[in-house]
Amino acid sequence: MSRRNCLKLLAAAPLLSASWSALAAVTLDPAKDYSVLSPAQAGGSNGQIEVLEFFSYGCPHCAAFDPKLSQWRAAQGKDVVFQRVPVSFGRREWGALGRLYLTLRALGLADKLDSKVFDAVHKSYLKLEDEAVRNDWLGKQGVDVKKFNDTWRSFGIESQVKRADQMAETYKVDSVPMLVIDGKFIPRDGGVAGEDAGHNRVLVNAGELVARVRASKAMAKK
């Protein structure tokens, strides 16, 4: 799969109407349901389980995945820490959207505005990589545009952009959305047909992998 393409739509099939949370737990098949990152990365500390999502506001599949992921995140235990990492794959537009995310995060606005950014890009078709368009949209969301732009241009955000690019390389990201559980496990869709069903399956598998990591950490304490 090309690094320059986000996760492609799977073959057409009737979409699964049930939410991910209503699906029965599955026995994970390492050939289809997950892969193992090599070399493994540090993961969570102090007993926490780190969940990373590599994504882009510019990816329509990330936009479709976002509401399900938000529901999944809300159902996780307090030991699960979540972090998003924007990916550009060298695209100028995605690079700007990644910087948008990092700036919103630095201002404490990412969780509030994530879904609105996805809607602006994929429903209103706004070119938020364009500064004038972005400033107009941010102002309508009640964001202090000057403060936003000062943060956007800061050394701290530049460093975070470089760090995100480095992480995408280290974690061998070749498509988005992509989850990584505690620096080691990458949940997959099990080969099911249909994007909606595939997203559900990824999150079921992610939950199983979180449980596996949790059990492993508990055993390590004994």
N, C-alpha and C. Protein backbone atom coordinates (compact mmCIF):
# COMPACT_ATOMS: atom_id res chain seq x y z
N MET A 1 0.84 -1.19 0.00
CA MET A 1 0.00 0.00 0.00
C MET A 1 0.88 1.24 0.00
N SER A 2 0.55 2.21 -0.81
CA SER A 2 1.39 3.39 -0.94
C SER A 2 1.37 4.23 0.31
N ARG A 3 2.52 4.78 0.66
CA ARG A 3 2.60 5.72 1.77
C ARG A 3 1.81 6.98 1.47
N ARG A 4 1.58 7.26 0.20
CA ARG A 4 0.93 8.51 -0.18
C ARG A 4 -0.58 8.39 -0.32
N ASN A 5 -1.13 7.30 0.13
CA ASN A 5 -2.58 7.14 0.10
C ASN A 5 -3.09 6.79 1.47
N CYS A 6 -4.20 7.39 1.87
CA CYS A 6 -4.82 6.97 3.12
C CYS A 6 -5.59 5.68 2.87
N LEU A 7 -6.02 5.07 3.94
CA LEU A 7 -6.62 3.76 3.87
C LEU A 7 -7.74 3.72 2.84
N LYS A 8 -7.62 2.82 1.86
CA LYS A 8 -8.59 2.78 0.77
C LYS A 8 -9.89 2.13 1.22
N LEU A 9 -10.97 2.52 0.55
CA LEU A 9 -12.26 1.88 0.80
C LEU A 9 -12.17 0.41 0.46
N LEU A 10 -12.74 -0.41 1.32
CA LEU A 10 -12.77 -1.84 1.06
C LEU A 10 -13.87 -2.16 0.06
N ALA A 11 -13.91 -3.39 -0.41
CA ALA A 11 -14.90 -3.78 -1.40
C ALA A 11 -16.30 -3.50 -0.92
N ALA A 12 -17.19 -3.07 -1.83
CA ALA A 12 -18.55 -2.71 -1.44
C ALA A 12 -19.27 -3.92 -0.86
N ALA A 13 -20.01 -3.67 0.22
CA ALA A 13 -20.79 -4.70 0.90
C ALA A 13 -21.76 -4.00 1.82
N PRO A 14 -22.84 -4.69 2.25
CA PRO A 14 -23.76 -4.08 3.20
C PRO A 14 -23.02 -3.63 4.44
N LEU A 15 -23.27 -2.40 4.88
CA LEU A 15 -22.56 -1.87 6.03
C LEU A 15 -23.11 -2.46 7.31
N LEU A 16 -22.25 -2.64 8.27
CA LEU A 16 -22.64 -3.17 9.56
C LEU A 16 -23.32 -2.06 10.35
N SER A 17 -24.55 -2.29 10.78
CA SER A 17 -25.30 -1.24 11.45
C SER A 17 -24.97 -1.13 12.93
N ALA A 18 -24.52 -2.21 13.54
CA ALA A 18 -24.21 -2.18 14.97
C ALA A 18 -22.96 -1.37 15.22
N SER A 19 -22.92 -0.70 16.37
CA SER A 19 -21.71 0.03 16.74
C SER A 19 -20.65 -0.94 17.18
N TRP A 20 -19.39 -0.46 17.22
CA TRP A 20 -18.28 -1.33 17.61
C TRP A 20 -18.51 -1.92 18.98
N SER A 21 -19.12 -1.14 19.88
CA SER A 21 -19.28 -1.58 21.26
C SER A 21 -20.28 -2.72 21.40
N ALA A 22 -21.11 -2.89 20.39
CA ALA A 22 -22.10 -3.96 20.45
C ALA A 22 -21.58 -5.28 19.90
N LEU A 23 -20.39 -5.25 19.34
CA LEU A 23 -19.84 -6.45 18.74
C LEU A 23 -19.25 -7.37 19.80
N ALA A 24 -19.37 -8.65 19.58
CA ALA A 24 -18.79 -9.62 20.52
C ALA A 24 -17.28 -9.60 20.41
N ALA A 25 -16.63 -9.86 21.51
CA ALA A 25 -15.18 -9.96 21.50
C ALA A 25 -14.75 -11.11 20.58
N VAL A 26 -13.62 -10.94 19.96
CA VAL A 26 -13.15 -11.94 19.02
C VAL A 26 -11.82 -12.50 19.49
N THR A 27 -11.54 -13.72 19.06
CA THR A 27 -10.21 -14.29 19.27
C THR A 27 -9.31 -13.75 18.18
N LEU A 28 -8.27 -13.08 18.57
CA LEU A 28 -7.46 -12.38 17.59
C LEU A 28 -6.63 -13.35 16.75
N ASP A 29 -6.65 -13.13 15.44
CA ASP A 29 -5.84 -13.87 14.49
C ASP A 29 -4.67 -12.97 14.08
N PRO A 30 -3.44 -13.32 14.47
CA PRO A 30 -2.31 -12.45 14.16
C PRO A 30 -2.06 -12.29 12.67
N ALA A 31 -2.65 -13.14 11.87
CA ALA A 31 -2.48 -13.01 10.43
C ALA A 31 -3.41 -11.95 9.83
N LYS A 32 -4.50 -11.62 10.55
CA LYS A 32 -5.50 -10.70 9.98
C LYS A 32 -5.89 -9.56 10.91
N ASP A 33 -5.90 -9.81 12.22
CA ASP A 33 -6.49 -8.87 13.16
C ASP A 33 -5.51 -7.86 13.74
N TYR A 34 -4.24 -8.14 13.67
CA TYR A 34 -3.25 -7.18 14.16
C TYR A 34 -1.88 -7.54 13.60
N SER A 35 -1.00 -6.57 13.66
CA SER A 35 0.40 -6.82 13.34
C SER A 35 1.24 -6.29 14.49
N VAL A 36 2.49 -6.71 14.53
CA VAL A 36 3.39 -6.33 15.61
C VAL A 36 4.47 -5.41 15.07
N LEU A 37 4.59 -4.25 15.68
CA LEU A 37 5.60 -3.28 15.26
C LEU A 37 6.99 -3.76 15.67
N SER A 38 7.92 -3.71 14.73
CA SER A 38 9.28 -4.12 15.01
C SER A 38 10.26 -3.09 14.45
N PRO A 39 11.09 -2.51 15.30
CA PRO A 39 11.18 -2.78 16.73
C PRO A 39 10.05 -2.10 17.50
N ALA A 40 9.68 -2.70 18.61
CA ALA A 40 8.65 -2.11 19.46
C ALA A 40 9.14 -0.80 20.04
N GLN A 41 8.21 0.13 20.30
CA GLN A 41 8.52 1.42 20.89
C GLN A 41 8.16 1.41 22.38
N ALA A 42 8.46 2.50 23.05
CA ALA A 42 8.38 2.52 24.52
C ALA A 42 6.97 2.28 25.06
N GLY A 43 5.95 2.83 24.43
CA GLY A 43 4.60 2.67 24.95
C GLY A 43 4.37 3.52 26.19
N GLY A 44 3.34 3.16 26.96
CA GLY A 44 2.98 3.94 28.13
C GLY A 44 3.93 3.71 29.29
N SER A 45 3.95 4.66 30.23
CA SER A 45 4.80 4.55 31.42
C SER A 45 3.93 4.55 32.66
N ASN A 46 4.52 4.17 33.79
CA ASN A 46 3.81 4.16 35.08
C ASN A 46 2.52 3.34 35.02
N GLY A 47 2.58 2.22 34.30
CA GLY A 47 1.43 1.33 34.23
C GLY A 47 0.36 1.76 33.23
N GLN A 48 0.56 2.88 32.56
CA GLN A 48 -0.43 3.34 31.60
C GLN A 48 -0.26 2.62 30.26
N ILE A 49 -1.36 2.55 29.52
CA ILE A 49 -1.37 1.93 28.19
C ILE A 49 -1.55 3.03 27.16
N GLU A 50 -0.55 3.20 26.33
CA GLU A 50 -0.58 4.27 25.33
C GLU A 50 -1.28 3.79 24.07
N VAL A 51 -2.21 4.62 23.58
CA VAL A 51 -2.85 4.38 22.29
C VAL A 51 -2.56 5.58 21.40
N LEU A 52 -1.87 5.35 20.30
CA LEU A 52 -1.59 6.39 19.32
C LEU A 52 -2.53 6.24 18.13
N GLU A 53 -2.99 7.36 17.60
CA GLU A 53 -3.66 7.35 16.31
C GLU A 53 -2.87 8.23 15.35
N PHE A 54 -2.36 7.62 14.30
CA PHE A 54 -1.77 8.37 13.21
C PHE A 54 -2.91 8.72 12.25
N PHE A 55 -3.02 10.01 11.90
CA PHE A 55 -4.20 10.45 11.16
C PHE A 55 -3.88 11.72 10.37
N SER A 56 -4.84 12.14 9.56
CA SER A 56 -4.80 13.45 8.94
C SER A 56 -6.22 13.99 8.84
N TYR A 57 -6.37 15.27 9.10
CA TYR A 57 -7.67 15.91 8.86
C TYR A 57 -8.05 15.82 7.39
N GLY A 58 -7.06 15.67 6.51
CA GLY A 58 -7.33 15.60 5.08
C GLY A 58 -7.80 14.25 4.59
N CYS A 59 -7.74 13.23 5.43
CA CYS A 59 -8.10 11.86 5.03
C CYS A 59 -9.58 11.60 5.26
N PRO A 60 -10.35 11.28 4.23
CA PRO A 60 -11.79 11.04 4.42
C PRO A 60 -12.07 9.82 5.29
N HIS A 61 -11.18 8.85 5.30
CA HIS A 61 -11.37 7.67 6.11
C HIS A 61 -11.13 7.98 7.59
N CYS A 62 -10.20 8.90 7.86
CA CYS A 62 -10.01 9.36 9.24
C CYS A 62 -11.26 10.10 9.71
N ALA A 63 -11.87 10.88 8.82
CA ALA A 63 -13.09 11.60 9.17
C ALA A 63 -14.22 10.62 9.50
N ALA A 64 -14.34 9.55 8.71
CA ALA A 64 -15.37 8.55 8.97
C ALA A 64 -15.09 7.77 10.25
N PHE A 65 -13.83 7.56 10.55
CA PHE A 65 -13.41 6.80 11.73
C PHE A 65 -13.58 7.60 13.02
N ASP A 66 -13.48 8.92 12.93
CA ASP A 66 -13.41 9.77 14.12
C ASP A 66 -14.57 9.61 15.10
N PRO A 67 -15.84 9.59 14.66
CA PRO A 67 -16.93 9.43 15.64
C PRO A 67 -16.87 8.09 16.38
N LYS A 68 -16.52 7.03 15.68
CA LYS A 68 -16.40 5.73 16.32
C LYS A 68 -15.24 5.71 17.31
N LEU A 69 -14.12 6.31 16.90
CA LEU A 69 -12.96 6.36 17.77
C LEU A 69 -13.27 7.17 19.03
N SER A 70 -14.00 8.26 18.89
CA SER A 70 -14.37 9.08 20.05
C SER A 70 -15.20 8.27 21.04
N GLN A 71 -16.12 7.47 20.52
CA GLN A 71 -16.94 6.61 21.38
C GLN A 71 -16.08 5.56 22.06
N TRP A 72 -15.17 4.98 21.32
CA TRP A 72 -14.27 3.96 21.87
C TRP A 72 -13.40 4.55 22.96
N ARG A 73 -12.84 5.72 22.72
CA ARG A 73 -11.98 6.38 23.71
C ARG A 73 -12.72 6.61 25.01
N ALA A 74 -13.97 7.04 24.91
CA ALA A 74 -14.76 7.36 26.10
C ALA A 74 -15.02 6.11 26.96
N ALA A 75 -14.95 4.93 26.34
CA ALA A 75 -15.24 3.70 27.06
C ALA A 75 -14.00 3.06 27.68
N GLN A 76 -12.81 3.65 27.45
CA GLN A 76 -11.58 3.03 27.96
C GLN A 76 -11.35 3.37 29.42
N GLY A 77 -10.56 2.52 30.06
CA GLY A 77 -10.22 2.73 31.46
C GLY A 77 -9.28 3.91 31.65
N LYS A 78 -9.13 4.32 32.92
CA LYS A 78 -8.28 5.47 33.22
C LYS A 78 -6.81 5.19 32.96
N ASP A 79 -6.46 3.92 32.81
CA ASP A 79 -5.05 3.59 32.53
C ASP A 79 -4.69 3.75 31.06
N VAL A 80 -5.67 4.06 30.21
CA VAL A 80 -5.42 4.23 28.77
C VAL A 80 -5.22 5.71 28.46
N VAL A 81 -4.06 6.03 27.89
CA VAL A 81 -3.77 7.41 27.49
C VAL A 81 -3.73 7.45 25.97
N PHE A 82 -4.38 8.47 25.40
CA PHE A 82 -4.55 8.56 23.96
C PHE A 82 -3.82 9.77 23.42
N GLN A 83 -3.19 9.58 22.27
CA GLN A 83 -2.50 10.70 21.62
C GLN A 83 -2.67 10.58 20.12
N ARG A 84 -2.94 11.71 19.47
CA ARG A 84 -3.00 11.75 18.02
C ARG A 84 -1.68 12.26 17.46
N VAL A 85 -1.29 11.70 16.32
CA VAL A 85 -0.07 12.12 15.64
C VAL A 85 -0.43 12.41 14.19
N PRO A 86 -0.33 13.68 13.75
CA PRO A 86 -0.68 13.99 12.36
C PRO A 86 0.39 13.49 11.40
N VAL A 87 -0.07 13.04 10.24
CA VAL A 87 0.81 12.49 9.20
C VAL A 87 0.59 13.29 7.92
N SER A 88 1.66 13.62 7.21
CA SER A 88 1.52 14.39 5.97
C SER A 88 1.83 13.57 4.73
N PHE A 89 2.66 12.51 4.84
CA PHE A 89 3.14 11.75 3.67
C PHE A 89 3.75 12.67 2.63
N GLY A 90 4.31 13.80 3.08
CA GLY A 90 4.97 14.73 2.17
C GLY A 90 4.04 15.65 1.40
N ARG A 91 2.73 15.59 1.67
CA ARG A 91 1.77 16.45 0.98
C ARG A 91 1.72 17.82 1.67
N ARG A 92 1.79 18.88 0.90
CA ARG A 92 1.77 20.22 1.46
C ARG A 92 0.46 20.47 2.23
N GLU A 93 -0.66 20.08 1.62
CA GLU A 93 -1.95 20.33 2.25
C GLU A 93 -2.08 19.58 3.57
N TRP A 94 -1.67 18.32 3.57
CA TRP A 94 -1.76 17.53 4.80
C TRP A 94 -0.77 18.04 5.84
N GLY A 95 0.38 18.56 5.38
CA GLY A 95 1.33 19.15 6.31
C GLY A 95 0.73 20.34 7.04
N ALA A 96 0.02 21.19 6.30
CA ALA A 96 -0.63 22.35 6.91
C ALA A 96 -1.73 21.93 7.87
N LEU A 97 -2.48 20.91 7.50
CA LEU A 97 -3.55 20.42 8.37
C LEU A 97 -2.97 19.77 9.62
N GLY A 98 -1.82 19.13 9.49
CA GLY A 98 -1.15 18.58 10.67
C GLY A 98 -0.70 19.68 11.61
N ARG A 99 -0.16 20.76 11.05
CA ARG A 99 0.25 21.89 11.88
C ARG A 99 -0.98 22.52 12.53
N LEU A 100 -2.11 22.55 11.81
CA LEU A 100 -3.36 23.05 12.39
C LEU A 100 -3.72 22.24 13.64
N TYR A 101 -3.66 20.91 13.53
CA TYR A 101 -3.97 20.08 14.68
C TYR A 101 -3.03 20.37 15.85
N LEU A 102 -1.75 20.42 15.58
CA LEU A 102 -0.77 20.62 16.64
C LEU A 102 -0.95 21.98 17.31
N THR A 103 -1.32 22.99 16.53
CA THR A 103 -1.55 24.32 17.10
C THR A 103 -2.80 24.32 17.97
N LEU A 104 -3.87 23.70 17.48
CA LEU A 104 -5.09 23.59 18.28
C LEU A 104 -4.82 22.83 19.57
N ARG A 105 -4.03 21.77 19.48
CA ARG A 105 -3.70 21.00 20.69
C ARG A 105 -2.94 21.85 21.69
N ALA A 106 -1.98 22.62 21.19
CA ALA A 106 -1.18 23.47 22.07
C ALA A 106 -2.05 24.50 22.78
N LEU A 107 -3.13 24.92 22.13
CA LEU A 107 -4.04 25.91 22.71
C LEU A 107 -5.16 25.26 23.52
N GLY A 108 -5.13 23.93 23.63
CA GLY A 108 -6.17 23.23 24.38
C GLY A 108 -7.51 23.18 23.67
N LEU A 109 -7.50 23.29 22.35
CA LEU A 109 -8.74 23.36 21.57
C LEU A 109 -8.97 22.15 20.67
N ALA A 110 -8.03 21.21 20.63
CA ALA A 110 -8.14 20.10 19.67
C ALA A 110 -9.38 19.26 19.92
N ASP A 111 -9.59 18.83 21.16
CA ASP A 111 -10.75 17.97 21.44
C ASP A 111 -12.06 18.69 21.13
N LYS A 112 -12.09 19.99 21.37
CA LYS A 112 -13.31 20.77 21.12
C LYS A 112 -13.59 20.92 19.64
N LEU A 113 -12.54 21.08 18.84
CA LEU A 113 -12.73 21.44 17.43
C LEU A 113 -12.43 20.34 16.44
N ASP A 114 -11.92 19.18 16.89
CA ASP A 114 -11.56 18.10 15.95
C ASP A 114 -12.69 17.78 14.98
N SER A 115 -13.87 17.49 15.49
CA SER A 115 -14.97 17.09 14.61
C SER A 115 -15.38 18.23 13.69
N LYS A 116 -15.26 19.47 14.16
CA LYS A 116 -15.60 20.62 13.33
C LYS A 116 -14.59 20.80 12.20
N VAL A 117 -13.32 20.51 12.49
CA VAL A 117 -12.31 20.59 11.42
C VAL A 117 -12.62 19.54 10.35
N PHE A 118 -12.89 18.31 10.76
CA PHE A 118 -13.23 17.27 9.79
C PHE A 118 -14.43 17.70 8.94
N ASP A 119 -15.47 18.26 9.58
CA ASP A 119 -16.65 18.70 8.84
C ASP A 119 -16.31 19.83 7.88
N ALA A 120 -15.46 20.76 8.33
CA ALA A 120 -15.09 21.89 7.47
C ALA A 120 -14.38 21.40 6.22
N VAL A 121 -13.51 20.40 6.38
CA VAL A 121 -12.71 19.90 5.26
C VAL A 121 -13.53 19.00 4.34
N HIS A 122 -14.34 18.11 4.93
CA HIS A 122 -14.98 17.05 4.13
C HIS A 122 -16.46 17.28 3.84
N LYS A 123 -17.08 18.23 4.54
CA LYS A 123 -18.49 18.54 4.25
C LYS A 123 -18.64 19.93 3.65
N SER A 124 -17.90 20.88 4.19
CA SER A 124 -17.96 22.25 3.63
C SER A 124 -16.89 22.50 2.59
N TYR A 125 -15.94 21.56 2.45
CA TYR A 125 -14.88 21.62 1.45
C TYR A 125 -14.04 22.90 1.55
N LEU A 126 -13.77 23.30 2.80
CA LEU A 126 -12.93 24.47 3.02
C LEU A 126 -11.46 24.09 2.89
N LYS A 127 -10.69 24.95 2.29
CA LYS A 127 -9.25 24.74 2.13
C LYS A 127 -8.53 25.33 3.34
N LEU A 128 -8.56 24.61 4.46
CA LEU A 128 -7.99 25.16 5.68
C LEU A 128 -6.47 25.23 5.65
N GLU A 129 -5.86 24.67 4.62
CA GLU A 129 -4.41 24.86 4.46
C GLU A 129 -4.09 26.29 4.00
N ASP A 130 -5.10 27.00 3.50
CA ASP A 130 -4.94 28.38 3.08
C ASP A 130 -5.13 29.30 4.29
N GLU A 131 -4.17 30.18 4.55
CA GLU A 131 -4.19 30.99 5.77
C GLU A 131 -5.43 31.87 5.88
N ALA A 132 -5.82 32.53 4.80
CA ALA A 132 -6.98 33.42 4.84
C ALA A 132 -8.26 32.64 5.14
N VAL A 133 -8.41 31.49 4.48
CA VAL A 133 -9.59 30.64 4.73
C VAL A 133 -9.57 30.14 6.17
N ARG A 134 -8.39 29.70 6.60
CA ARG A 134 -8.25 29.18 7.97
C ARG A 134 -8.56 30.26 9.01
N ASN A 135 -8.03 31.46 8.82
CA ASN A 135 -8.28 32.53 9.78
C ASN A 135 -9.76 32.88 9.87
N ASP A 136 -10.41 32.94 8.72
CA ASP A 136 -11.85 33.23 8.71
C ASP A 136 -12.63 32.16 9.46
N TRP A 137 -12.29 30.90 9.20
CA TRP A 137 -12.99 29.80 9.86
C TRP A 137 -12.72 29.81 11.36
N LEU A 138 -11.47 30.01 11.76
CA LEU A 138 -11.12 30.03 13.18
C LEU A 138 -11.86 31.14 13.91
N GLY A 139 -11.95 32.30 13.30
CA GLY A 139 -12.67 33.40 13.92
C GLY A 139 -14.13 33.06 14.17
N LYS A 140 -14.74 32.34 13.22
CA LYS A 140 -16.13 31.93 13.39
C LYS A 140 -16.31 30.89 14.49
N GLN A 141 -15.21 30.21 14.85
CA GLN A 141 -15.28 29.23 15.95
C GLN A 141 -14.97 29.87 17.30
N GLY A 142 -14.73 31.18 17.29
CA GLY A 142 -14.43 31.87 18.54
C GLY A 142 -12.98 31.79 18.96
N VAL A 143 -12.10 31.39 18.05
CA VAL A 143 -10.68 31.26 18.36
C VAL A 143 -10.00 32.62 18.22
N ASP A 144 -9.11 32.94 19.14
CA ASP A 144 -8.28 34.15 19.04
C ASP A 144 -7.29 33.93 17.90
N VAL A 145 -7.55 34.56 16.75
CA VAL A 145 -6.78 34.28 15.53
C VAL A 145 -5.33 34.72 15.68
N LYS A 146 -5.09 35.86 16.32
CA LYS A 146 -3.72 36.31 16.50
C LYS A 146 -2.94 35.33 17.37
N LYS A 147 -3.53 34.91 18.46
CA LYS A 147 -2.87 33.95 19.34
C LYS A 147 -2.61 32.64 18.60
N PHE A 148 -3.59 32.23 17.81
CA PHE A 148 -3.42 31.01 17.03
C PHE A 148 -2.22 31.14 16.10
N ASN A 149 -2.15 32.24 15.34
CA ASN A 149 -1.07 32.40 14.36
C ASN A 149 0.29 32.57 15.02
N ASP A 150 0.33 33.23 16.17
CA ASP A 150 1.60 33.32 16.90
C ASP A 150 2.06 31.93 17.33
N THR A 151 1.12 31.11 17.76
CA THR A 151 1.46 29.74 18.17
C THR A 151 1.86 28.91 16.96
N TRP A 152 1.12 29.04 15.87
CA TRP A 152 1.39 28.33 14.61
C TRP A 152 2.83 28.53 14.16
N ARG A 153 3.33 29.76 14.32
CA ARG A 153 4.66 30.10 13.83
C ARG A 153 5.76 29.88 14.88
N SER A 154 5.40 29.36 16.03
CA SER A 154 6.35 29.25 17.13
C SER A 154 7.35 28.12 16.92
N PHE A 155 8.48 28.23 17.60
CA PHE A 155 9.49 27.18 17.57
C PHE A 155 8.95 25.88 18.12
N GLY A 156 8.10 25.98 19.15
CA GLY A 156 7.53 24.78 19.75
C GLY A 156 6.72 23.96 18.77
N ILE A 157 5.89 24.63 17.97
CA ILE A 157 5.08 23.91 16.97
C ILE A 157 5.97 23.36 15.87
N GLU A 158 6.98 24.11 15.46
CA GLU A 158 7.90 23.61 14.44
C GLU A 158 8.57 22.33 14.91
N SER A 159 8.96 22.30 16.18
CA SER A 159 9.58 21.10 16.75
C SER A 159 8.60 19.94 16.78
N GLN A 160 7.33 20.21 17.09
CA GLN A 160 6.32 19.16 17.13
C GLN A 160 6.02 18.61 15.74
N VAL A 161 6.06 19.47 14.74
CA VAL A 161 5.87 19.01 13.36
C VAL A 161 6.97 18.03 12.97
N LYS A 162 8.20 18.39 13.29
CA LYS A 162 9.33 17.51 12.98
C LYS A 162 9.22 16.20 13.75
N ARG A 163 8.80 16.30 15.02
CA ARG A 163 8.65 15.10 15.84
C ARG A 163 7.58 14.17 15.27
N ALA A 164 6.46 14.74 14.81
CA ALA A 164 5.40 13.93 14.21
C ALA A 164 5.90 13.21 12.96
N ASP A 165 6.65 13.92 12.13
CA ASP A 165 7.22 13.30 10.92
C ASP A 165 8.16 12.15 11.29
N GLN A 166 8.97 12.37 12.32
CA GLN A 166 9.89 11.32 12.77
C GLN A 166 9.13 10.11 13.29
N MET A 167 8.05 10.36 14.03
CA MET A 167 7.27 9.25 14.56
C MET A 167 6.62 8.44 13.45
N ALA A 168 6.14 9.12 12.42
CA ALA A 168 5.54 8.39 11.29
C ALA A 168 6.56 7.45 10.65
N GLU A 169 7.81 7.89 10.58
CA GLU A 169 8.86 7.04 10.04
C GLU A 169 9.17 5.89 11.00
N THR A 170 9.32 6.20 12.26
CA THR A 170 9.68 5.19 13.26
C THR A 170 8.63 4.10 13.36
N TYR A 171 7.35 4.51 13.30
CA TYR A 171 6.25 3.55 13.44
C TYR A 171 5.84 2.94 12.10
N LYS A 172 6.59 3.27 11.05
CA LYS A 172 6.37 2.67 9.71
C LYS A 172 4.93 2.86 9.23
N VAL A 173 4.43 4.07 9.36
CA VAL A 173 3.05 4.38 8.97
C VAL A 173 2.96 4.42 7.45
N ASP A 174 2.12 3.55 6.88
CA ASP A 174 1.95 3.55 5.43
C ASP A 174 0.51 3.85 5.01
N SER A 175 -0.38 4.01 5.97
CA SER A 175 -1.76 4.37 5.68
C SER A 175 -2.38 4.93 6.95
N VAL A 176 -3.42 5.72 6.80
CA VAL A 176 -4.14 6.26 7.94
C VAL A 176 -5.64 6.11 7.70
N PRO A 177 -6.43 5.99 8.78
CA PRO A 177 -6.04 6.00 10.19
C PRO A 177 -5.31 4.72 10.59
N MET A 178 -4.38 4.86 11.52
CA MET A 178 -3.65 3.71 12.03
C MET A 178 -3.48 3.87 13.54
N LEU A 179 -3.90 2.86 14.29
CA LEU A 179 -3.72 2.85 15.74
C LEU A 179 -2.50 2.01 16.10
N VAL A 180 -1.83 2.40 17.17
CA VAL A 180 -0.75 1.61 17.73
C VAL A 180 -1.00 1.49 19.23
N ILE A 181 -1.08 0.25 19.71
CA ILE A 181 -1.36 -0.01 21.11
C ILE A 181 -0.07 -0.25 21.87
N ASP A 182 0.24 0.67 22.76
CA ASP A 182 1.39 0.58 23.67
C ASP A 182 2.71 0.31 22.95
N GLY A 183 2.88 0.96 21.82
CA GLY A 183 4.15 0.90 21.12
C GLY A 183 4.45 -0.41 20.42
N LYS A 184 3.47 -1.32 20.36
CA LYS A 184 3.77 -2.64 19.81
C LYS A 184 2.73 -3.17 18.83
N PHE A 185 1.45 -3.12 19.21
CA PHE A 185 0.41 -3.78 18.42
C PHE A 185 -0.34 -2.79 17.53
N ILE A 186 -0.57 -3.19 16.28
CA ILE A 186 -1.33 -2.38 15.32
C ILE A 186 -2.60 -3.15 14.97
N PRO A 187 -3.75 -2.75 15.50
CA PRO A 187 -4.99 -3.47 15.18
C PRO A 187 -5.37 -3.28 13.72
N ARG A 188 -5.82 -4.38 13.08
CA ARG A 188 -6.24 -4.35 11.69
C ARG A 188 -7.73 -4.68 11.60
N ASP A 189 -8.25 -4.66 10.36
CA ASP A 189 -9.70 -4.83 10.18
C ASP A 189 -10.13 -6.28 9.96
N GLY A 190 -9.21 -7.22 10.04
CA GLY A 190 -9.56 -8.63 9.89
C GLY A 190 -9.99 -9.02 8.50
N GLY A 191 -9.85 -8.11 7.54
CA GLY A 191 -10.23 -8.42 6.17
C GLY A 191 -11.72 -8.36 5.90
N VAL A 192 -12.50 -7.77 6.82
CA VAL A 192 -13.94 -7.68 6.60
C VAL A 192 -14.24 -6.69 5.49
N ALA A 193 -15.37 -6.87 4.82
CA ALA A 193 -15.74 -6.02 3.70
C ALA A 193 -16.54 -4.82 4.20
N GLY A 194 -16.26 -3.66 3.64
CA GLY A 194 -17.00 -2.46 3.98
C GLY A 194 -16.25 -1.60 4.97
N GLU A 195 -16.16 -0.30 4.69
CA GLU A 195 -15.38 0.59 5.56
C GLU A 195 -15.96 0.65 6.98
N ASP A 196 -17.28 0.76 7.09
CA ASP A 196 -17.90 0.86 8.41
C ASP A 196 -17.61 -0.39 9.23
N ALA A 197 -17.81 -1.54 8.63
CA ALA A 197 -17.52 -2.80 9.32
C ALA A 197 -16.04 -2.92 9.65
N GLY A 198 -15.19 -2.45 8.73
CA GLY A 198 -13.75 -2.50 8.98
C GLY A 198 -13.34 -1.65 10.16
N HIS A 199 -13.91 -0.45 10.26
CA HIS A 199 -13.61 0.43 11.39
C HIS A 199 -14.08 -0.18 12.71
N ASN A 200 -15.27 -0.77 12.68
CA ASN A 200 -15.77 -1.45 13.88
C ASN A 200 -14.80 -2.55 14.31
N ARG A 201 -14.35 -3.33 13.34
CA ARG A 201 -13.47 -4.46 13.65
C ARG A 201 -12.12 -3.98 14.20
N VAL A 202 -11.59 -2.90 13.64
CA VAL A 202 -10.34 -2.34 14.15
C VAL A 202 -10.48 -1.99 15.62
N LEU A 203 -11.60 -1.39 16.00
CA LEU A 203 -11.78 -0.94 17.38
C LEU A 203 -12.05 -2.11 18.33
N VAL A 204 -12.75 -3.12 17.86
CA VAL A 204 -12.90 -4.33 18.66
C VAL A 204 -11.52 -4.95 18.90
N ASN A 205 -10.74 -5.06 17.85
CA ASN A 205 -9.40 -5.63 17.99
C ASN A 205 -8.52 -4.76 18.87
N ALA A 206 -8.66 -3.46 18.76
CA ALA A 206 -7.90 -2.55 19.62
C ALA A 206 -8.25 -2.79 21.08
N GLY A 207 -9.54 -2.97 21.38
CA GLY A 207 -9.95 -3.25 22.75
C GLY A 207 -9.37 -4.55 23.27
N GLU A 208 -9.32 -5.56 22.43
CA GLU A 208 -8.73 -6.83 22.83
C GLU A 208 -7.24 -6.69 23.10
N LEU A 209 -6.58 -5.89 22.29
CA LEU A 209 -5.14 -5.68 22.47
C LEU A 209 -4.85 -4.86 23.72
N VAL A 210 -5.69 -3.88 24.00
CA VAL A 210 -5.55 -3.12 25.26
C VAL A 210 -5.68 -4.06 26.45
N ALA A 211 -6.66 -4.96 26.39
CA ALA A 211 -6.85 -5.92 27.48
C ALA A 211 -5.63 -6.83 27.62
N ARG A 212 -5.07 -7.22 26.49
CA ARG A 212 -3.88 -8.08 26.52
C ARG A 212 -2.70 -7.36 27.18
N VAL A 213 -2.51 -6.09 26.81
CA VAL A 213 -1.41 -5.32 27.39
C VAL A 213 -1.66 -5.11 28.88
N ARG A 214 -2.90 -4.82 29.24
CA ARG A 214 -3.24 -4.60 30.66
C ARG A 214 -2.91 -5.87 31.49
N ALA A 215 -3.28 -7.03 30.96
CA ALA A 215 -3.00 -8.28 31.67
C ALA A 215 -1.50 -8.51 31.78
N SER A 216 -0.76 -8.17 30.74
CA SER A 216 0.68 -8.35 30.76
C SER A 216 1.32 -7.44 31.80
N LYS A 217 0.86 -6.21 31.89
CA LYS A 217 1.40 -5.28 32.89
C LYS A 217 1.07 -5.74 34.30
N ALA A 218 -0.12 -6.30 34.48
CA ALA A 218 -0.51 -6.80 35.79
C ALA A 218 0.36 -7.98 36.21
N MET A 219 0.64 -8.85 35.25
CA MET A 219 1.49 -10.01 35.54
C MET A 219 2.91 -9.55 35.90
N ALA A 220 3.38 -8.52 35.23
CA ALA A 220 4.74 -8.04 35.45
C ALA A 220 4.92 -7.47 36.87
N LYS A 221 3.82 -7.03 37.47
CA LYS A 221 3.89 -6.47 38.81
C LYS A 221 4.00 -7.55 39.89
N LYS A 222 3.62 -8.78 39.53
CA LYS A 222 3.60 -9.87 40.51
C LYS A 222 5.01 -10.41 40.76
